[in-house]
Amino acid sequence: MRISWFVAVAAVVAIGVTAGVPAAHSQRWDTTGVCKDPVEGAATSTGILGLGSARAREAAQSNWEINVEDKYGPGFANFGYARKVQWDCKKGAVLLAKCVVVATPCGARLRG
């Protein structure tokens, strides 16, 4: 009888301890609902048959992530979590292409 009482108390204590862990854990995460002001990224590239535009688009996305990290920190610098993404890509003279992206950075990474 004593052993089953001890097991029951141990189970209740274990449940109580683990119930507090998710609350502390979730406080360390930025959710996708936490967003900052929009940031712009821009780049140019050269190439034929759309290759210049594709390269400029990738470089603009990378530039956006760098700008966001400088302004808001690495927790918001993931383009995959961005909201309200707007692209403006244009072919320029000869083979030069330019892309500008404006997007709202939202956090979804583990903090500190």
C-alpha atoms as a PDB file:
ATOM      1  CA  MET A   1       0.000   0.000   0.000  1.00  0.00           C
ATOM      2  CA  ARG A   2       2.826   2.383   0.866  1.00  0.00           C
ATOM      3  CA  ILE A   3       4.588   1.765  -2.426  1.00  0.00           C
ATOM      4  CA  SER A   4       1.483   2.562  -4.505  1.00  0.00           C
ATOM      5  CA  TRP A   5       0.942   5.760  -2.499  1.00  0.00           C
ATOM      6  CA  PHE A   6       4.564   6.772  -3.163  1.00  0.00           C
ATOM      7  CA  VAL A   7       4.173   6.041  -6.883  1.00  0.00           C
ATOM      8  CA  ALA A   8       0.983   8.127  -7.021  1.00  0.00           C
ATOM      9  CA  VAL A   9       2.690  11.099  -5.305  1.00  0.00           C
ATOM     10  CA  ALA A  10       5.709  10.808  -7.608  1.00  0.00           C
ATOM     11  CA  ALA A  11       3.428  10.803 -10.665  1.00  0.00           C
ATOM     12  CA  VAL A  12       1.566  13.916  -9.481  1.00  0.00           C
ATOM     13  CA  VAL A  13       4.870  15.723  -8.836  1.00  0.00           C
ATOM     14  CA  ALA A  14       6.231  14.704 -12.252  1.00  0.00           C
ATOM     15  CA  ILE A  15       3.083  15.950 -13.993  1.00  0.00           C
ATOM     16  CA  GLY A  16       3.265  19.260 -12.116  1.00  0.00           C
ATOM     17  CA  VAL A  17       6.920  19.784 -13.026  1.00  0.00           C
ATOM     18  CA  THR A  18       6.474  18.973 -16.718  1.00  0.00           C
ATOM     19  CA  ALA A  19       3.344  21.129 -16.947  1.00  0.00           C
ATOM     20  CA  GLY A  20       5.469  24.205 -16.174  1.00  0.00           C
ATOM     21  CA  VAL A  21       8.081  23.474 -18.827  1.00  0.00           C
ATOM     22  CA  PRO A  22       6.080  24.386 -21.971  1.00  0.00           C
ATOM     23  CA  ALA A  23       5.163  27.814 -20.566  1.00  0.00           C
ATOM     24  CA  ALA A  24       8.812  28.672 -19.928  1.00  0.00           C
ATOM     25  CA  HIS A  25       9.795  27.163 -23.282  1.00  0.00           C
ATOM     26  CA  SER A  26       7.153  29.060 -25.262  1.00  0.00           C
ATOM     27  CA  GLN A  27       8.306  32.379 -23.796  1.00  0.00           C
ATOM     28  CA  ARG A  28      11.617  31.893 -25.592  1.00  0.00           C
ATOM     29  CA  TRP A  29       9.984  31.813 -29.045  1.00  0.00           C
ATOM     30  CA  ASP A  30       8.905  34.685 -31.250  1.00  0.00           C
ATOM     31  CA  THR A  31       5.665  33.653 -32.911  1.00  0.00           C
ATOM     32  CA  THR A  32       4.757  34.467 -36.485  1.00  0.00           C
ATOM     33  CA  GLY A  33       2.258  36.959 -35.088  1.00  0.00           C
ATOM     34  CA  VAL A  34       5.126  39.210 -33.939  1.00  0.00           C
ATOM     35  CA  CYS A  35       5.970  41.397 -36.923  1.00  0.00           C
ATOM     36  CA  LYS A  36       7.985  44.576 -37.435  1.00  0.00           C
ATOM     37  CA  ASP A  37       7.800  47.445 -39.922  1.00  0.00           C
ATOM     38  CA  PRO A  38       8.440  46.586 -43.615  1.00  0.00           C
ATOM     39  CA  VAL A  39      12.011  46.409 -44.912  1.00  0.00           C
ATOM     40  CA  GLU A  40      13.366  46.675 -48.466  1.00  0.00           C
ATOM     41  CA  GLY A  41      15.986  44.574 -50.209  1.00  0.00           C
ATOM     42  CA  ALA A  42      17.392  45.284 -53.673  1.00  0.00           C
ATOM     43  CA  ALA A  43      19.907  43.823 -56.104  1.00  0.00           C
ATOM     44  CA  THR A  44      20.956  43.789 -59.751  1.00  0.00           C
ATOM     45  CA  SER A  45      22.391  40.992 -61.845  1.00  0.00           C
ATOM     46  CA  THR A  46      23.198  40.132 -65.426  1.00  0.00           C
ATOM     47  CA  GLY A  47      22.276  37.092 -67.468  1.00  0.00           C
ATOM     48  CA  ILE A  48      20.340  35.925 -70.492  1.00  0.00           C
ATOM     49  CA  LEU A  49      17.035  34.059 -70.871  1.00  0.00           C
ATOM     50  CA  GLY A  50      15.746  35.152 -67.456  1.00  0.00           C
ATOM     51  CA  LEU A  51      18.892  34.098 -65.594  1.00  0.00           C
ATOM     52  CA  GLY A  52      19.673  37.719 -64.686  1.00  0.00           C
ATOM     53  CA  SER A  53      16.205  38.192 -63.213  1.00  0.00           C
ATOM     54  CA  ALA A  54      16.436  34.967 -61.210  1.00  0.00           C
ATOM     55  CA  ARG A  55      19.844  35.944 -59.838  1.00  0.00           C
ATOM     56  CA  ALA A  56      18.665  39.463 -59.010  1.00  0.00           C
ATOM     57  CA  ARG A  57      15.623  38.034 -57.213  1.00  0.00           C
ATOM     58  CA  GLU A  58      17.775  35.706 -55.072  1.00  0.00           C
ATOM     59  CA  ALA A  59      20.233  38.518 -54.315  1.00  0.00           C
ATOM     60  CA  ALA A  60      17.391  40.911 -53.369  1.00  0.00           C
ATOM     61  CA  GLN A  61      16.016  38.310 -50.963  1.00  0.00           C
ATOM     62  CA  SER A  62      19.463  37.889 -49.410  1.00  0.00           C
ATOM     63  CA  ASN A  63      19.832  41.673 -49.161  1.00  0.00           C
ATOM     64  CA  TRP A  64      16.426  41.860 -47.445  1.00  0.00           C
ATOM     65  CA  GLU A  65      17.533  39.286 -44.847  1.00  0.00           C
ATOM     66  CA  ILE A  66      20.761  41.217 -44.186  1.00  0.00           C
ATOM     67  CA  ASN A  67      18.856  44.498 -43.799  1.00  0.00           C
ATOM     68  CA  VAL A  68      16.326  42.905 -41.442  1.00  0.00           C
ATOM     69  CA  GLU A  69      19.060  41.346 -39.308  1.00  0.00           C
ATOM     70  CA  ASP A  70      20.818  44.716 -39.036  1.00  0.00           C
ATOM     71  CA  LYS A  71      17.588  46.473 -38.057  1.00  0.00           C
ATOM     72  CA  TYR A  72      15.678  43.910 -35.935  1.00  0.00           C
ATOM     73  CA  GLY A  73      18.122  41.080 -35.181  1.00  0.00           C
ATOM     74  CA  PRO A  74      18.528  37.520 -36.467  1.00  0.00           C
ATOM     75  CA  GLY A  75      15.195  36.339 -35.047  1.00  0.00           C
ATOM     76  CA  PHE A  76      13.349  38.230 -37.796  1.00  0.00           C
ATOM     77  CA  ALA A  77      15.779  37.700 -40.691  1.00  0.00           C
ATOM     78  CA  ASN A  78      14.157  34.633 -42.255  1.00  0.00           C
ATOM     79  CA  PHE A  79      12.411  35.475 -45.534  1.00  0.00           C
ATOM     80  CA  GLY A  80      10.288  32.345 -45.177  1.00  0.00           C
ATOM     81  CA  TYR A  81       8.395  33.982 -42.287  1.00  0.00           C
ATOM     82  CA  ALA A  82       7.914  37.350 -44.043  1.00  0.00           C
ATOM     83  CA  ARG A  83       4.417  38.680 -44.667  1.00  0.00           C
ATOM     84  CA  LYS A  84       2.997  41.106 -47.261  1.00  0.00           C
ATOM     85  CA  VAL A  85       5.806  40.369 -49.747  1.00  0.00           C
ATOM     86  CA  GLN A  86       5.886  42.669 -52.805  1.00  0.00           C
ATOM     87  CA  TRP A  87       8.294  42.158 -55.699  1.00  0.00           C
ATOM     88  CA  ASP A  88       9.274  44.637 -58.411  1.00  0.00           C
ATOM     89  CA  CYS A  89      11.663  43.091 -60.958  1.00  0.00           C
ATOM     90  CA  LYS A  90      12.595  44.840 -64.192  1.00  0.00           C
ATOM     91  CA  LYS A  91      14.922  44.093 -67.042  1.00  0.00           C
ATOM     92  CA  GLY A  92      17.261  46.971 -67.718  1.00  0.00           C
ATOM     93  CA  ALA A  93      19.507  47.946 -70.577  1.00  0.00           C
ATOM     94  CA  VAL A  94      21.257  45.086 -72.410  1.00  0.00           C
ATOM     95  CA  LEU A  95      21.280  42.170 -69.919  1.00  0.00           C
ATOM     96  CA  LEU A  96      20.981  43.939 -66.548  1.00  0.00           C
ATOM     97  CA  ALA A  97      18.033  43.031 -64.321  1.00  0.00           C
ATOM     98  CA  LYS A  98      17.024  44.712 -61.073  1.00  0.00           C
ATOM     99  CA  CYS A  99      14.754  43.384 -58.327  1.00  0.00           C
ATOM    100  CA  VAL A 100      13.392  45.140 -55.283  1.00  0.00           C
ATOM    101  CA  VAL A 101      11.479  43.323 -52.560  1.00  0.00           C
ATOM    102  CA  VAL A 102       9.547  44.932 -49.715  1.00  0.00           C
ATOM    103  CA  ALA A 103       8.250  42.644 -46.970  1.00  0.00           C
ATOM    104  CA  THR A 104       7.174  42.690 -43.334  1.00  0.00           C
ATOM    105  CA  PRO A 105       9.584  40.634 -41.195  1.00  0.00           C
ATOM    106  CA  CYS A 106       7.962  38.317 -38.659  1.00  0.00           C
ATOM    107  CA  GLY A 107       9.812  36.385 -35.981  1.00  0.00           C
ATOM    108  CA  ALA A 108       9.652  32.646 -35.506  1.00  0.00           C
ATOM    109  CA  ARG A 109      13.014  31.629 -34.093  1.00  0.00           C
ATOM    110  CA  LEU A 110      14.362  30.689 -30.707  1.00  0.00           C
ATOM    111  CA  ARG A 111      15.538  33.700 -28.697  1.00  0.00           C
ATOM    112  CA  GLY A 112      18.603  33.926 -26.467  1.00  0.00           C
END
